[in-house]
Protein backbone atom coordinates (compact mmCIF):
# COMPACT_ATOMS: atom_id res chain seq x y z
CA MET A 1 18.74 9.39 6.29
CA GLU A 2 20.22 7.19 9.25
CA LEU A 3 18.52 6.55 11.71
CA ASP A 4 19.29 6.09 15.36
CA LYS A 5 17.98 3.89 17.92
CA THR A 6 15.49 6.83 19.12
CA ASP A 7 14.23 7.67 15.53
CA ARG A 8 13.46 3.77 15.52
CA GLN A 9 11.44 3.85 18.34
CA LEU A 10 9.64 6.96 17.15
CA LEU A 11 8.84 5.26 14.21
CA HIS A 12 7.51 2.10 16.17
CA LEU A 13 5.49 3.66 18.23
CA LEU A 14 4.00 6.07 15.21
CA GLN A 15 3.85 2.80 13.08
CA GLN A 16 1.16 1.01 16.02
CA ASP A 17 -0.36 4.36 16.85
CA ALA A 18 -0.23 7.24 14.69
CA GLY A 19 -2.72 9.26 17.15
CA LEU A 20 -0.45 9.38 19.93
CA SER A 21 0.30 13.04 21.31
CA LEU A 22 3.24 14.47 21.28
CA ASN A 23 3.71 14.39 24.87
CA GLU A 24 3.24 10.80 25.03
CA LEU A 25 6.04 9.90 22.42
CA ALA A 26 8.03 12.44 23.93
CA GLU A 27 7.78 10.34 27.37
CA THR A 28 8.08 7.08 26.13
CA VAL A 29 11.33 7.77 24.36
CA HIS A 30 12.57 9.66 27.50
CA LEU A 31 12.75 12.95 25.48
CA THR A 32 11.10 16.62 26.00
CA THR A 33 8.72 17.52 23.44
CA THR A 34 10.94 19.96 21.87
CA PRO A 35 13.24 17.71 20.85
CA CYS A 36 11.21 14.84 20.16
CA TRP A 37 8.86 17.14 17.62
CA LYS A 38 12.33 18.14 15.85
CA ARG A 39 13.08 14.58 14.81
CA LEU A 40 9.13 14.11 13.99
CA LYS A 41 9.79 17.14 11.55
CA LYS A 42 12.83 15.93 10.20
CA LEU A 43 11.41 12.08 9.85
CA GLU A 44 8.60 13.75 7.65
CA GLU A 45 10.84 16.18 5.69
CA SER A 46 12.91 13.57 4.66
CA GLY A 47 10.26 11.73 3.77
CA VAL A 48 11.16 8.51 5.91
CA ILE A 49 7.09 9.09 7.31
CA LYS A 50 5.51 10.04 4.37
CA LYS A 51 1.60 10.39 5.88
CA LYS A 52 -0.32 9.30 8.39
CA VAL A 53 -3.49 7.41 7.81
CA ALA A 54 -6.59 5.74 9.66
CA LEU A 55 -6.23 2.26 8.81
CA LEU A 56 -10.08 0.63 8.31
CA ASP A 57 -11.33 -2.71 9.01
CA PRO A 58 -12.28 -4.05 5.21
CA GLU A 59 -14.77 -6.47 6.16
CA LYS A 60 -16.53 -3.81 8.24
CA VAL A 61 -17.01 -1.34 5.11
CA GLY A 62 -18.33 -4.03 3.41
CA LEU A 63 -15.02 -4.93 1.04
CA SER A 64 -14.05 -8.87 1.89
CA PHE A 65 -13.10 -9.88 -1.19
CA THR A 66 -9.41 -9.92 -2.14
CA ALA A 67 -8.06 -10.78 -5.56
CA PHE A 68 -4.32 -10.80 -6.91
CA MET A 69 -3.99 -10.17 -10.38
CA MET A 70 -0.63 -11.59 -11.86
CA ILE A 71 -0.42 -9.51 -15.82
CA LYS A 72 1.53 -10.70 -18.79
CA ILE A 73 1.82 -8.07 -21.32
CA SER A 74 2.62 -7.71 -24.49
CA ASP A 75 4.10 -4.47 -25.44
CA HIS A 76 7.09 -3.17 -23.05
CA SER A 77 7.57 0.49 -24.11
CA HIS A 78 7.91 3.27 -21.93
CA GLU A 79 4.91 4.98 -23.77
CA TRP A 80 2.58 1.70 -22.99
CA TYR A 81 4.15 1.88 -19.34
CA ILE A 82 3.23 5.22 -18.31
CA ARG A 83 -0.32 4.86 -19.88
CA PHE A 84 -0.60 1.69 -18.09
CA VAL A 85 0.54 2.64 -14.84
CA ASP A 86 -1.88 5.87 -15.22
CA ILE A 87 -4.90 3.45 -16.19
CA VAL A 88 -4.60 1.22 -13.03
CA ALA A 89 -3.68 3.70 -10.70
CA ASP A 90 -7.36 5.56 -11.56
CA PHE A 91 -8.76 2.06 -10.10
CA PRO A 92 -9.17 2.64 -6.33
CA GLN A 93 -10.29 -0.96 -6.15
CA VAL A 94 -6.45 -1.37 -6.65
CA MET A 95 -4.78 -1.50 -3.61
CA GLU A 96 -1.00 -2.45 -4.37
CA PHE A 97 0.45 -2.55 -7.96
CA TYR A 98 4.01 -3.93 -8.43
CA ARG A 99 6.14 -4.67 -11.46
CA MET A 100 7.42 -8.13 -11.36
CA ALA A 101 10.26 -10.22 -12.47
CA GLY A 102 9.53 -13.66 -13.04
CA GLU A 103 7.11 -15.29 -14.97
CA TYR A 104 4.38 -12.07 -15.07
CA ASP A 105 5.16 -8.79 -15.40
CA TYR A 106 2.52 -7.15 -13.17
CA MET A 107 0.64 -7.93 -9.97
CA LEU A 108 -2.34 -5.98 -8.12
CA LYS A 109 -3.85 -6.39 -4.91
CA VAL A 110 -7.60 -5.78 -5.58
CA LEU A 111 -10.25 -5.22 -2.78
CA VAL A 112 -13.96 -5.35 -3.92
CA GLN A 113 -17.06 -6.49 -2.24
CA ASP A 114 -17.94 -9.85 -3.67
CA MET A 115 -17.08 -11.91 -6.69
CA ARG A 116 -19.70 -9.64 -8.72
CA SER A 117 -17.68 -6.55 -8.24
CA PHE A 118 -14.64 -8.19 -9.22
CA ASP A 119 -16.02 -9.16 -11.97
CA THR A 120 -17.11 -5.78 -12.94
CA PHE A 121 -13.64 -4.60 -12.06
CA TYR A 122 -11.98 -7.24 -14.49
CA LYS A 123 -14.21 -6.33 -17.26
CA GLU A 124 -13.39 -3.02 -17.03
CA LEU A 125 -9.65 -3.02 -16.44
CA VAL A 126 -8.59 -5.28 -19.41
CA ASN A 127 -11.15 -3.48 -21.66
CA ARG A 128 -9.55 -0.35 -20.93
CA ILE A 129 -5.86 -1.58 -21.38
CA GLU A 130 -4.56 -2.98 -24.92
CA GLY A 131 -1.60 -5.13 -24.56
CA LEU A 132 -2.43 -7.99 -21.98
CA THR A 133 -1.32 -11.44 -23.11
CA ASP A 134 -2.48 -13.55 -20.00
CA VAL A 135 -4.40 -12.04 -16.91
CA THR A 136 -4.61 -14.85 -14.35
CA SER A 137 -6.71 -13.92 -10.58
CA THR A 138 -6.23 -15.88 -7.13
CA PHE A 139 -8.47 -15.07 -4.31
CA ALA A 140 -7.85 -14.94 -1.01
CA MET A 141 -9.78 -17.30 1.10
CA GLU A 142 -8.73 -15.89 4.33
CA SER A 143 -6.02 -13.38 5.72
CA LEU A 144 -4.02 -14.81 8.18
CA LYS A 145 -1.56 -11.96 8.56
CA TYR A 146 -2.00 -8.10 7.64
CA THR A 147 0.35 -5.43 8.82
CA THR A 148 1.37 -2.10 8.01
CA GLU A 149 4.43 -1.92 10.30
CA LEU A 150 7.34 -2.24 8.66
CA PRO A 151 10.12 -4.37 10.70
CA LEU A 152 12.70 -1.64 12.05
């Protein structure tokens, strides 16, 4: 889908505050509510807008320990991949999960309460998955930038 200037403005506004009313959005992008609503509907139906969520402060809900896990594997079959993705996706502690190019095959961003919680998560993960040849974890000391806003 080709995005014009107005679409980009709407997306920028929604990324900053998805709770803005239709009237507020329409007024800001200089449209009436019906054309604005139609644009939003089109952006949703095309998948540009995937969903609207509330972003929580991890520390205020007791999740202040961020770990990054890099994983190397020995089995590169499609069957193993499907099983691995299903298992990892079941863990609510995994915030982000990537298949990588380079030295490691996969990277996970894990958010938990503390080191003990991470150790419990780590043990459960590695015990459920065969074929891991190297698992390396690093831990964030301080979050310097975090955003969900895409640079449009």
